């Protein structure tokens, strides 16, 4: 019985034509998209509370864009729609984050990490 199942799976895999470049694209997209949760976990552990850093949303957008390209190539309408909507939602989250004044704790975090935003608007 198990041999029959394994043979069936092997036959199905052998029939699939794989383009290694597009499969690599999908793996990279999934690594970026999934990596955002590792980032969130590490930052939450560091802060000793649940925390979603801004970079989580950038990783969400980049991973979604890579996976969107993959699903456009695969012509998967359901996934194209899903990732297109996700990109809009993640972009909106970033827009809201940028509009919201940062609490003193996040400002202290930026000092700790050496991030200087004081002269970002001075560049001409």
C-alpha atoms as a PDB file:
ATOM      1  CA  UNK A   1       0.000   0.000   0.000  1.00  0.00           C
ATOM      2  CA  UNK A   2       2.720   2.477   0.982  1.00  0.00           C
ATOM      3  CA  UNK A   3       4.729   1.500  -2.102  1.00  0.00           C
ATOM      4  CA  UNK A   4       1.730   2.287  -4.305  1.00  0.00           C
ATOM      5  CA  UNK A   5       1.309   5.712  -2.713  1.00  0.00           C
ATOM      6  CA  UNK A   6       5.015   6.512  -3.039  1.00  0.00           C
ATOM      7  CA  UNK A   7       5.015   5.329  -6.661  1.00  0.00           C
ATOM      8  CA  UNK A   8       1.989   7.527  -7.379  1.00  0.00           C
ATOM      9  CA  UNK A   9       3.681  10.549  -5.830  1.00  0.00           C
ATOM     10  CA  UNK A  10       6.893   9.855  -7.730  1.00  0.00           C
ATOM     11  CA  UNK A  11       4.984   9.555 -11.027  1.00  0.00           C
ATOM     12  CA  UNK A  12       3.167  12.836 -10.348  1.00  0.00           C
ATOM     13  CA  UNK A  13       6.446  14.602  -9.547  1.00  0.00           C
ATOM     14  CA  UNK A  14       8.079  13.237 -12.678  1.00  0.00           C
ATOM     15  CA  UNK A  15       5.258  14.589 -14.832  1.00  0.00           C
ATOM     16  CA  UNK A  16       5.650  18.131 -13.523  1.00  0.00           C
ATOM     17  CA  UNK A  17       7.874  20.283 -15.695  1.00  0.00           C
ATOM     18  CA  UNK A  18       9.935  22.472 -13.425  1.00  0.00           C
ATOM     19  CA  UNK A  19      11.671  25.648 -14.527  1.00  0.00           C
ATOM     20  CA  UNK A  20      14.519  25.935 -11.998  1.00  0.00           C
ATOM     21  CA  UNK A  21      14.757  29.737 -12.257  1.00  0.00           C
ATOM     22  CA  UNK A  22      11.083  30.261 -11.494  1.00  0.00           C
ATOM     23  CA  UNK A  23      11.175  27.687  -8.719  1.00  0.00           C
ATOM     24  CA  UNK A  24      14.155  29.510  -7.215  1.00  0.00           C
ATOM     25  CA  UNK A  25      12.160  32.743  -7.509  1.00  0.00           C
ATOM     26  CA  UNK A  26       9.313  31.136  -5.582  1.00  0.00           C
ATOM     27  CA  UNK A  27      11.667  29.832  -2.875  1.00  0.00           C
ATOM     28  CA  UNK A  28      13.305  33.261  -2.476  1.00  0.00           C
ATOM     29  CA  UNK A  29       9.895  34.935  -2.305  1.00  0.00           C
ATOM     30  CA  UNK A  30       8.713  32.460   0.300  1.00  0.00           C
ATOM     31  CA  UNK A  31      11.943  32.861   2.288  1.00  0.00           C
ATOM     32  CA  UNK A  32      11.516  36.654   2.407  1.00  0.00           C
ATOM     33  CA  UNK A  33       7.785  36.397   3.109  1.00  0.00           C
ATOM     34  CA  UNK A  34       8.238  33.745   5.794  1.00  0.00           C
ATOM     35  CA  UNK A  35      11.354  35.394   7.200  1.00  0.00           C
ATOM     36  CA  UNK A  36       9.286  38.306   8.395  1.00  0.00           C
ATOM     37  CA  UNK A  37       7.866  36.075  11.132  1.00  0.00           C
ATOM     38  CA  UNK A  38      11.358  35.121  12.263  1.00  0.00           C
ATOM     39  CA  UNK A  39      12.193  38.837  12.418  1.00  0.00           C
ATOM     40  CA  UNK A  40       9.015  39.516  14.401  1.00  0.00           C
ATOM     41  CA  UNK A  41       9.782  36.651  16.782  1.00  0.00           C
ATOM     42  CA  UNK A  42      13.367  37.831  17.401  1.00  0.00           C
ATOM     43  CA  UNK A  43      12.268  41.422  17.995  1.00  0.00           C
ATOM     44  CA  UNK A  44       9.451  40.312  20.309  1.00  0.00           C
ATOM     45  CA  UNK A  45      11.882  38.200  22.327  1.00  0.00           C
ATOM     46  CA  UNK A  46      14.277  41.123  22.527  1.00  0.00           C
ATOM     47  CA  UNK A  47      11.518  43.457  23.762  1.00  0.00           C
ATOM     48  CA  UNK A  48       9.905  40.778  25.972  1.00  0.00           C
ATOM     49  CA  UNK A  49       6.503  41.548  24.435  1.00  0.00           C
ATOM     50  CA  UNK A  50       4.729  41.063  21.122  1.00  0.00           C
ATOM     51  CA  UNK A  51       6.198  43.564  18.670  1.00  0.00           C
ATOM     52  CA  UNK A  52       5.960  44.064  14.905  1.00  0.00           C
ATOM     53  CA  UNK A  53       8.886  46.139  13.574  1.00  0.00           C
ATOM     54  CA  UNK A  54       8.394  48.371  10.536  1.00  0.00           C
ATOM     55  CA  UNK A  55      10.748  46.163   8.535  1.00  0.00           C
ATOM     56  CA  UNK A  56       8.187  43.338   8.887  1.00  0.00           C
ATOM     57  CA  UNK A  57       5.953  45.242   6.462  1.00  0.00           C
ATOM     58  CA  UNK A  58       8.786  45.873   3.997  1.00  0.00           C
ATOM     59  CA  UNK A  59       9.584  42.157   3.997  1.00  0.00           C
ATOM     60  CA  UNK A  60       5.870  41.473   3.480  1.00  0.00           C
ATOM     61  CA  UNK A  61       5.766  43.709   0.410  1.00  0.00           C
ATOM     62  CA  UNK A  62       9.005  42.394  -1.115  1.00  0.00           C
ATOM     63  CA  UNK A  63       8.073  38.752  -0.511  1.00  0.00           C
ATOM     64  CA  UNK A  64       4.587  39.341  -1.913  1.00  0.00           C
ATOM     65  CA  UNK A  65       5.960  41.056  -5.019  1.00  0.00           C
ATOM     66  CA  UNK A  66       8.353  38.186  -5.713  1.00  0.00           C
ATOM     67  CA  UNK A  67       5.596  35.615  -5.212  1.00  0.00           C
ATOM     68  CA  UNK A  68       3.228  37.708  -7.332  1.00  0.00           C
ATOM     69  CA  UNK A  69       5.739  37.590 -10.195  1.00  0.00           C
ATOM     70  CA  UNK A  70       5.960  33.819  -9.792  1.00  0.00           C
ATOM     71  CA  UNK A  71       2.184  33.368  -9.857  1.00  0.00           C
ATOM     72  CA  UNK A  72       1.841  35.682 -12.871  1.00  0.00           C
ATOM     73  CA  UNK A  73       4.310  33.384 -14.623  1.00  0.00           C
ATOM     74  CA  UNK A  74       2.267  30.343 -13.488  1.00  0.00           C
ATOM     75  CA  UNK A  75      -0.963  32.114 -14.549  1.00  0.00           C
ATOM     76  CA  UNK A  76      -2.668  31.391 -11.233  1.00  0.00           C
ATOM     77  CA  UNK A  77      -5.490  33.931 -11.066  1.00  0.00           C
ATOM     78  CA  UNK A  78      -6.472  33.222  -7.457  1.00  0.00           C
ATOM     79  CA  UNK A  79      -2.903  33.751  -6.209  1.00  0.00           C
ATOM     80  CA  UNK A  80      -2.407  36.823  -8.427  1.00  0.00           C
ATOM     81  CA  UNK A  81      -5.459  38.437  -6.858  1.00  0.00           C
ATOM     82  CA  UNK A  82      -4.452  37.372  -3.342  1.00  0.00           C
ATOM     83  CA  UNK A  83      -0.900  38.725  -3.513  1.00  0.00           C
ATOM     84  CA  UNK A  84      -2.003  41.905  -5.298  1.00  0.00           C
ATOM     85  CA  UNK A  85      -4.406  42.677  -2.468  1.00  0.00           C
ATOM     86  CA  UNK A  86      -1.792  41.826   0.150  1.00  0.00           C
ATOM     87  CA  UNK A  87       0.669  44.287  -1.387  1.00  0.00           C
ATOM     88  CA  UNK A  88      -1.956  47.040  -1.146  1.00  0.00           C
ATOM     89  CA  UNK A  89      -2.714  46.194   2.482  1.00  0.00           C
ATOM     90  CA  UNK A  90       0.959  46.075   3.492  1.00  0.00           C
ATOM     91  CA  UNK A  91       1.595  49.356   1.689  1.00  0.00           C
ATOM     92  CA  UNK A  92      -1.302  50.964   3.523  1.00  0.00           C
ATOM     93  CA  UNK A  93       0.078  49.709   6.846  1.00  0.00           C
ATOM     94  CA  UNK A  94       3.438  51.313   6.060  1.00  0.00           C
ATOM     95  CA  UNK A  95       1.696  54.553   5.079  1.00  0.00           C
ATOM     96  CA  UNK A  96      -0.168  54.603   8.401  1.00  0.00           C
ATOM     97  CA  UNK A  97       3.020  53.822  10.321  1.00  0.00           C
ATOM     98  CA  UNK A  98       4.905  56.676   8.634  1.00  0.00           C
ATOM     99  CA  UNK A  99       2.071  59.130   9.385  1.00  0.00           C
ATOM    100  CA  UNK A 100       1.890  58.206  13.068  1.00  0.00           C
ATOM    101  CA  UNK A 101       4.203  59.990  15.521  1.00  0.00           C
ATOM    102  CA  UNK A 102       6.643  57.574  17.121  1.00  0.00           C
ATOM    103  CA  UNK A 103       6.426  57.038  20.869  1.00  0.00           C
ATOM    104  CA  UNK A 104       9.430  57.828  23.016  1.00  0.00           C
ATOM    105  CA  UNK A 105      10.267  54.124  23.354  1.00  0.00           C
ATOM    106  CA  UNK A 106      10.778  53.734  19.605  1.00  0.00           C
ATOM    107  CA  UNK A 107      12.857  56.905  19.529  1.00  0.00           C
ATOM    108  CA  UNK A 108      15.046  55.393  22.249  1.00  0.00           C
ATOM    109  CA  UNK A 109      15.338  52.206  20.163  1.00  0.00           C
ATOM    110  CA  UNK A 110      16.574  54.251  17.212  1.00  0.00           C
ATOM    111  CA  UNK A 111      19.211  55.871  19.418  1.00  0.00           C
ATOM    112  CA  UNK A 112      20.256  52.443  20.645  1.00  0.00           C
ATOM    113  CA  UNK A 113      20.644  51.160  17.066  1.00  0.00           C
ATOM    114  CA  UNK A 114      22.377  54.361  15.898  1.00  0.00           C
ATOM    115  CA  UNK A 115      19.614  55.454  13.494  1.00  0.00           C
ATOM    116  CA  UNK A 116      19.741  59.207  12.921  1.00  0.00           C
ATOM    117  CA  UNK A 117      16.643  60.636  11.238  1.00  0.00           C
ATOM    118  CA  UNK A 118      17.346  64.246  12.154  1.00  0.00           C
ATOM    119  CA  UNK A 119      18.937  65.229   8.822  1.00  0.00           C
ATOM    120  CA  UNK A 120      16.852  63.102   6.427  1.00  0.00           C
ATOM    121  CA  UNK A 121      14.866  66.105   5.191  1.00  0.00           C
ATOM    122  CA  UNK A 122      17.955  68.331   4.777  1.00  0.00           C
ATOM    123  CA  UNK A 123      19.233  66.621   1.616  1.00  0.00           C
ATOM    124  CA  UNK A 124      18.834  68.693  -1.553  1.00  0.00           C
END
